[in-house]
Protein backbone atom coordinates (compact mmCIF):
# COMPACT_ATOMS: atom_id res chain seq x y z
CA UNK A 1 5.91 -35.17 11.32
CA UNK A 2 9.38 -34.40 10.03
CA UNK A 3 10.62 -31.22 11.67
CA UNK A 4 13.32 -29.32 9.77
CA UNK A 5 16.87 -29.58 11.06
CA UNK A 6 18.48 -26.67 12.86
CA UNK A 7 19.19 -23.76 10.50
CA UNK A 8 22.65 -23.04 9.20
CA UNK A 9 24.61 -20.47 11.15
CA UNK A 10 25.76 -17.42 9.20
CA UNK A 11 27.64 -14.17 9.78
CA UNK A 12 24.69 -12.15 11.03
CA UNK A 13 23.92 -10.16 14.14
CA UNK A 14 20.52 -9.86 15.81
CA UNK A 15 19.38 -6.61 17.39
CA UNK A 16 17.91 -7.68 20.70
CA UNK A 17 14.97 -6.56 22.79
CA UNK A 18 14.51 -7.72 26.40
CA UNK A 19 12.24 -10.74 26.50
CA UNK A 20 9.15 -11.09 28.65
CA UNK A 21 6.94 -14.08 29.24
CA UNK A 22 3.61 -15.22 30.58
CA UNK A 23 0.68 -12.92 31.23
CA UNK A 24 3.02 -9.93 31.15
CA UNK A 25 4.03 -10.53 27.54
CA UNK A 26 5.24 -7.23 26.06
CA UNK A 27 3.99 -6.80 22.48
CA UNK A 28 5.43 -3.33 21.87
CA UNK A 29 7.11 -3.11 18.49
CA UNK A 30 6.92 -4.16 14.86
CA UNK A 31 6.24 -7.72 13.77
CA UNK A 32 6.42 -8.86 10.14
CA UNK A 33 3.84 -11.57 9.37
CA UNK A 34 6.27 -13.84 7.56
CA UNK A 35 5.56 -15.13 4.09
CA UNK A 36 6.08 -18.81 3.30
CA UNK A 37 8.61 -19.49 0.52
CA UNK A 38 7.80 -22.37 -1.82
CA UNK A 39 9.89 -24.36 -4.25
CA UNK A 40 9.00 -24.67 -7.94
CA UNK A 41 7.15 -27.86 -6.93
CA UNK A 42 5.06 -25.87 -4.39
CA UNK A 43 6.76 -27.45 -1.38
CA UNK A 44 7.70 -25.31 1.63
CA UNK A 45 11.26 -24.08 1.11
CA UNK A 46 12.70 -24.06 4.61
CA UNK A 47 16.20 -23.02 3.52
CA UNK A 48 14.82 -19.90 1.80
CA UNK A 49 12.79 -19.14 4.92
CA UNK A 50 15.96 -19.33 7.02
CA UNK A 51 17.77 -17.07 4.56
CA UNK A 52 15.02 -14.45 4.86
CA UNK A 53 15.33 -14.57 8.64
CA UNK A 54 19.08 -14.07 8.37
CA UNK A 55 18.47 -10.97 6.24
CA UNK A 56 16.03 -9.64 8.86
CA UNK A 57 18.69 -10.01 11.56
CA UNK A 58 19.75 -6.35 11.59
CA UNK A 59 16.20 -4.95 11.58
CA UNK A 60 15.03 -4.15 15.13
CA UNK A 61 11.81 -6.16 14.97
CA UNK A 62 10.16 -7.10 18.27
CA UNK A 63 9.52 -10.53 16.83
CA UNK A 64 7.73 -12.39 14.07
CA UNK A 65 4.25 -13.61 13.25
CA UNK A 66 4.22 -17.06 11.68
CA UNK A 67 1.26 -18.63 9.92
CA UNK A 68 -0.79 -15.47 9.59
CA UNK A 69 -2.63 -14.35 6.46
CA UNK A 70 0.61 -13.34 4.70
CA UNK A 71 2.01 -16.82 5.28
CA UNK A 72 -0.72 -18.44 3.13
CA UNK A 73 -1.78 -20.30 6.26
CA UNK A 74 -5.01 -21.74 4.78
CA UNK A 75 -2.97 -23.45 2.04
CA UNK A 76 -0.61 -25.30 4.40
CA UNK A 77 -1.27 -28.66 6.03
CA UNK A 78 -1.30 -28.82 9.83
CA UNK A 79 2.05 -30.61 9.69
CA UNK A 80 3.54 -27.87 7.51
CA UNK A 81 2.19 -25.15 9.78
CA UNK A 82 3.93 -26.68 12.78
CA UNK A 83 7.15 -27.34 10.87
CA UNK A 84 7.32 -23.69 9.78
CA UNK A 85 6.91 -22.52 13.37
CA UNK A 86 9.64 -24.93 14.50
CA UNK A 87 11.95 -23.74 11.73
CA UNK A 88 11.50 -20.07 12.66
CA UNK A 89 11.92 -20.76 16.38
CA UNK A 90 15.24 -22.50 15.72
CA UNK A 91 16.44 -19.69 13.45
CA UNK A 92 15.83 -16.68 15.70
CA UNK A 93 16.99 -15.82 19.24
CA UNK A 94 14.68 -16.50 22.15
CA UNK A 95 14.35 -12.78 22.89
CA UNK A 96 12.54 -12.31 19.58
CA UNK A 97 8.87 -13.04 20.21
CA UNK A 98 7.22 -15.64 18.02
CA UNK A 99 3.45 -15.28 17.54
CA UNK A 100 1.95 -18.27 15.75
CA UNK A 101 -1.39 -18.32 13.98
CA UNK A 102 -3.31 -21.22 15.50
CA UNK A 103 -6.89 -20.39 14.54
CA UNK A 104 -9.07 -23.17 13.13
CA UNK A 105 -12.78 -23.24 12.45
CA UNK A 106 -13.72 -25.35 15.48
CA UNK A 107 -12.91 -24.57 19.09
CA UNK A 108 -11.61 -28.11 19.56
CA UNK A 109 -9.32 -27.81 16.54
CA UNK A 110 -8.05 -24.40 17.64
CA UNK A 111 -7.19 -25.69 21.09
CA UNK A 112 -5.28 -28.63 19.64
CA UNK A 113 -3.40 -26.41 17.19
CA UNK A 114 -2.62 -23.83 19.88
CA UNK A 115 -1.13 -26.47 22.17
CA UNK A 116 0.90 -27.87 19.26
CA UNK A 117 2.13 -24.40 18.26
CA UNK A 118 3.31 -23.80 21.84
CA UNK A 119 5.17 -27.11 21.78
CA UNK A 120 6.79 -26.06 18.48
CA UNK A 121 8.16 -22.93 20.14
CA UNK A 122 5.52 -20.19 19.88
CA UNK A 123 5.53 -17.57 22.63
CA UNK A 124 1.90 -16.63 21.97
CA UNK A 125 -0.99 -17.79 19.83
CA UNK A 126 -2.60 -15.45 17.31
CA UNK A 127 -6.16 -16.71 16.93
CA UNK A 128 -8.22 -15.55 13.98
CA UNK A 129 -12.00 -15.45 14.18
CA UNK A 130 -13.72 -18.63 12.95
CA UNK A 131 -15.85 -17.49 10.04
CA UNK A 132 -17.22 -20.33 7.89
CA UNK A 133 -20.58 -20.08 9.69
CA UNK A 134 -20.19 -16.35 10.10
CA UNK A 135 -23.93 -15.77 10.55
CA UNK A 136 -23.77 -17.77 13.78
CA UNK A 137 -20.62 -16.07 15.04
CA UNK A 138 -22.34 -13.78 17.52
CA UNK A 139 -20.56 -12.10 20.40
CA UNK A 140 -21.78 -14.89 22.67
CA UNK A 141 -20.37 -17.59 20.39
CA UNK A 142 -17.04 -15.83 19.92
CA UNK A 143 -16.62 -15.04 23.62
CA UNK A 144 -17.20 -18.72 24.40
CA UNK A 145 -14.78 -19.81 21.65
CA UNK A 146 -11.91 -17.55 22.69
CA UNK A 147 -12.45 -18.17 26.40
CA UNK A 148 -12.21 -21.93 25.87
CA UNK A 149 -9.07 -21.53 23.79
CA UNK A 150 -7.45 -19.17 26.30
CA UNK A 151 -8.34 -21.46 29.21
CA UNK A 152 -6.59 -24.38 27.51
CA UNK A 153 -3.65 -22.54 25.98
CA UNK A 154 -0.22 -22.95 27.58
CA UNK A 155 0.84 -19.60 26.05
CA UNK A 156 -0.85 -16.18 25.98
CA UNK A 157 -3.51 -15.58 23.34
CA UNK A 158 -3.79 -12.62 20.98
CA UNK A 159 -7.16 -12.04 19.31
CA UNK A 160 -7.08 -11.53 15.54
CA UNK A 161 -9.73 -9.63 13.59
CA UNK A 162 -9.20 -9.44 9.82
CA UNK A 163 -12.59 -8.75 8.22
CA UNK A 164 -11.13 -8.34 4.71
CA UNK A 165 -10.34 -12.08 4.75
CA UNK A 166 -13.00 -13.48 7.04
CA UNK A 167 -15.95 -11.20 6.29
CA UNK A 168 -16.35 -10.98 10.06
CA UNK A 169 -15.21 -8.26 12.45
CA UNK A 170 -14.68 -9.33 16.03
CA UNK A 171 -17.43 -7.34 17.78
CA UNK A 172 -16.40 -4.58 20.16
CA UNK A 173 -18.51 -6.15 22.91
CA UNK A 174 -16.61 -9.41 22.55
CA UNK A 175 -13.21 -7.70 22.57
CA UNK A 176 -14.02 -5.79 25.76
CA UNK A 177 -15.26 -8.91 27.52
CA UNK A 178 -12.32 -11.03 26.40
CA UNK A 179 -9.80 -8.35 27.41
CA UNK A 180 -10.56 -9.31 31.00
CA UNK A 181 -9.41 -12.91 30.52
CA UNK A 182 -6.05 -13.41 32.28
CA UNK A 183 -4.56 -15.35 29.35
CA UNK A 184 -5.72 -13.01 26.58
CA UNK A 185 -3.09 -10.30 26.26
CA UNK A 186 -4.07 -8.33 23.19
CA UNK A 187 -5.68 -7.84 19.81
CA UNK A 188 -4.35 -7.58 16.29
CA UNK A 189 -6.94 -5.53 14.39
CA UNK A 190 -6.60 -5.26 10.61
CA UNK A 191 -9.93 -3.59 9.95
CA UNK A 192 -8.59 -0.04 9.65
CA UNK A 193 -11.32 1.65 11.71
CA UNK A 194 -9.21 3.99 13.80
CA UNK A 195 -12.21 5.13 15.84
CA UNK A 196 -12.87 1.53 16.85
CA UNK A 197 -9.21 1.04 17.72
CA UNK A 198 -9.18 4.16 19.85
CA UNK A 199 -12.31 3.04 21.67
CA UNK A 200 -10.78 -0.37 22.39
CA UNK A 201 -7.63 1.28 23.77
CA UNK A 202 -9.78 3.62 25.86
CA UNK A 203 -12.14 0.96 27.20
CA UNK A 204 -9.37 -1.52 28.08
CA UNK A 205 -7.01 0.97 29.71
CA UNK A 206 -7.49 -0.64 33.14
CA UNK A 207 -6.68 -4.10 31.78
CA UNK A 208 -3.31 -5.56 30.80
CA UNK A 209 -4.44 -5.56 27.18
CA UNK A 210 -2.45 -4.41 24.16
CA UNK A 211 -3.63 -3.38 20.70
CA UNK A 212 -1.57 -4.15 17.61
CA UNK A 213 -2.30 -2.32 14.37
CA UNK A 214 -2.77 -4.82 11.55
CA UNK A 215 -1.54 -2.71 8.64
CA UNK A 216 1.25 -0.25 7.83
CA UNK A 217 -1.29 2.06 6.20
CA UNK A 218 -2.58 3.36 9.53
CA UNK A 219 0.39 2.60 11.78
CA UNK A 220 1.02 6.24 12.76
CA UNK A 221 -2.65 6.76 13.52
CA UNK A 222 -2.58 3.64 15.66
CA UNK A 223 0.35 4.92 17.70
CA UNK A 224 -1.38 8.27 18.07
CA UNK A 225 -4.38 6.67 19.80
CA UNK A 226 -2.36 4.32 21.99
CA UNK A 227 -1.65 1.13 20.04
CA UNK A 228 1.48 -0.66 21.20
CA UNK A 229 2.82 -1.85 17.86
CA UNK A 230 2.04 -3.29 14.48
CA UNK A 231 1.83 -6.56 12.58
CA UNK A 232 2.35 -5.25 9.07
CA UNK A 233 2.71 -7.22 5.84
CA UNK A 234 4.85 -4.42 4.40
CA UNK A 235 7.44 -5.12 7.10
CA UNK A 236 8.50 -8.15 5.04
CA UNK A 237 9.76 -5.61 2.47
CA UNK A 238 10.33 -2.30 4.26
CA UNK A 239 11.05 -3.44 7.80
CA UNK A 240 13.61 -0.76 8.65
CA UNK A 241 11.39 2.18 7.60
CA UNK A 242 8.49 0.79 9.62
CA UNK A 243 10.71 0.45 12.69
CA UNK A 244 11.86 4.02 12.04
CA UNK A 245 8.23 5.15 11.94
CA UNK A 246 7.65 3.43 15.26
CA UNK A 247 10.63 5.24 16.76
CA UNK A 248 9.51 8.64 15.47
CA UNK A 249 6.07 8.14 16.99
CA UNK A 250 7.54 7.03 20.32
CA UNK A 251 9.75 10.15 20.39
CA UNK A 252 6.86 12.45 19.53
CA UNK A 253 8.43 13.56 16.25
CA UNK A 254 5.07 13.65 14.55
CA UNK A 255 5.93 15.83 11.55
CA UNK A 256 8.72 13.46 10.49
CA UNK A 257 6.48 10.49 11.25
CA UNK A 258 3.74 11.91 9.05
CA UNK A 259 6.11 12.36 6.11
CA UNK A 260 7.28 8.76 6.38
CA UNK A 261 3.76 7.41 6.90
CA UNK A 262 2.56 9.10 3.72
CA UNK A 263 5.34 7.41 1.73
CA UNK A 264 4.20 4.01 2.98
CA UNK A 265 0.48 4.19 2.22
CA UNK A 266 0.53 3.34 -1.50
CA UNK A 267 3.12 0.53 -1.29
CA UNK A 268 1.22 -0.94 1.63
CA UNK A 269 -2.10 -0.84 -0.22
CA UNK A 270 -0.46 -2.48 -3.24
CA UNK A 271 0.81 -5.51 -1.29
CA UNK A 272 -2.39 -5.94 0.72
CA UNK A 273 -5.86 -5.04 -0.50
CA UNK A 274 -4.96 -4.19 -4.12
CA UNK A 275 -2.82 -7.15 -5.26
CA UNK A 276 -2.30 -9.19 -2.12
CA UNK A 277 0.31 -11.84 -1.38
CA UNK A 278 1.60 -12.28 -4.97
CA UNK A 279 2.54 -8.59 -4.90
CA UNK A 280 4.06 -8.86 -1.43
CA UNK A 281 6.27 -11.73 -2.57
CA UNK A 282 7.26 -9.89 -5.74
CA UNK A 283 8.23 -6.79 -3.79
CA UNK A 284 10.33 -8.95 -1.47
CA UNK A 285 12.33 -10.09 -4.50
CA UNK A 286 13.07 -6.47 -5.46
CA UNK A 287 14.44 -5.79 -1.99
CA UNK A 288 16.70 -8.84 -1.76
CA UNK A 289 14.46 -11.31 0.03
CA UNK A 290 13.07 -14.64 -1.15
CA UNK A 291 9.43 -14.14 -2.08
CA UNK A 292 8.90 -16.58 -4.91
CA UNK A 293 5.66 -18.16 -6.05
CA UNK A 294 2.42 -18.55 -4.14
CA UNK A 295 0.50 -21.78 -3.80
CA UNK A 296 -2.43 -22.31 -6.13
CA UNK A 297 -5.08 -21.09 -6.53
CA UNK A 298 -3.24 -17.79 -5.98
CA UNK A 299 -1.79 -16.65 -9.29
CA UNK A 300 1.23 -14.50 -10.17
CA UNK A 301 0.74 -10.89 -11.16
CA UNK A 302 -0.01 -9.95 -14.76
CA UNK A 303 2.42 -7.66 -16.58
CA UNK A 304 0.05 -4.73 -16.06
CA UNK A 305 -0.25 -5.46 -12.33
CA UNK A 306 3.51 -5.84 -12.03
CA UNK A 307 4.06 -2.46 -13.63
CA UNK A 308 1.51 -0.82 -11.34
CA UNK A 309 3.12 -2.43 -8.31
CA UNK A 310 6.53 -1.11 -9.34
CA UNK A 311 5.04 2.37 -9.82
CA UNK A 312 3.47 2.33 -6.34
CA UNK A 313 6.92 1.75 -4.84
CA UNK A 314 8.94 3.97 -7.17
CA UNK A 315 6.79 7.11 -7.00
CA UNK A 316 7.15 7.03 -3.23
CA UNK A 317 10.93 6.79 -3.40
CA UNK A 318 11.41 3.13 -2.50
CA UNK A 319 12.64 1.87 -5.87
């Protein structure tokens, strides 16, 4: 596999956060799940990816998620997935955490990808629920799957539940059991059920287990019930406001946090459940980042969708 060369150095400054490692991995903070830029020929555009990372340099992100849902992970080859992780690892300082999506449908495949992601520079593996045979994905099956992966992984594992994409929510029973595994350090939950999130925080309070909110639409609510941070697609576009929202919540400035959260709900919905990744990439272009085209079969927005997307940002004061 051809790994991209080291990124070009530019006049940028990274805002740093103290690094941690191993079982004590500290996930507190905001992580953008990076998009994958493509050329006009639908090849991964590593130089544009590096340029986006340079632009993110002054945003106080805790780190980055690579090869998550926003990165069009299912449309990349295994070689491309690893090359993207390697590219990002070379482009950002070591004190910025790198969570890499390593989930595959089989346990064997997930273990192999997790080990390879660690070798490519990932600090932790974000492992989505296998879902093709979702009817057979019982708590017993999923506990066995994640336990095997965590046993074999050279880096900490973060569980990933995204029912909008998989049609499968990681059962509460499975989460609580897996939270006791010494190499499983947390959960990214994108389901939006704040009661479930609160219960997970409550039931795992004696474990070294951290909950990451999987959407900017309920980030404040997540902090209010004890989540440690967020992996939010909207952070690719509005990273600084999301980090500001985090800070307001940490300082207990809830009235200001509420005002900012309300401004983020419609733009977030537009780039996730309403229009998805094509909208996220389009919004990135408006804010000076490289979004560009998606890989087929994802299609660009229609003129009507584009106008609605612009309205969702403009009426909330972002454009």
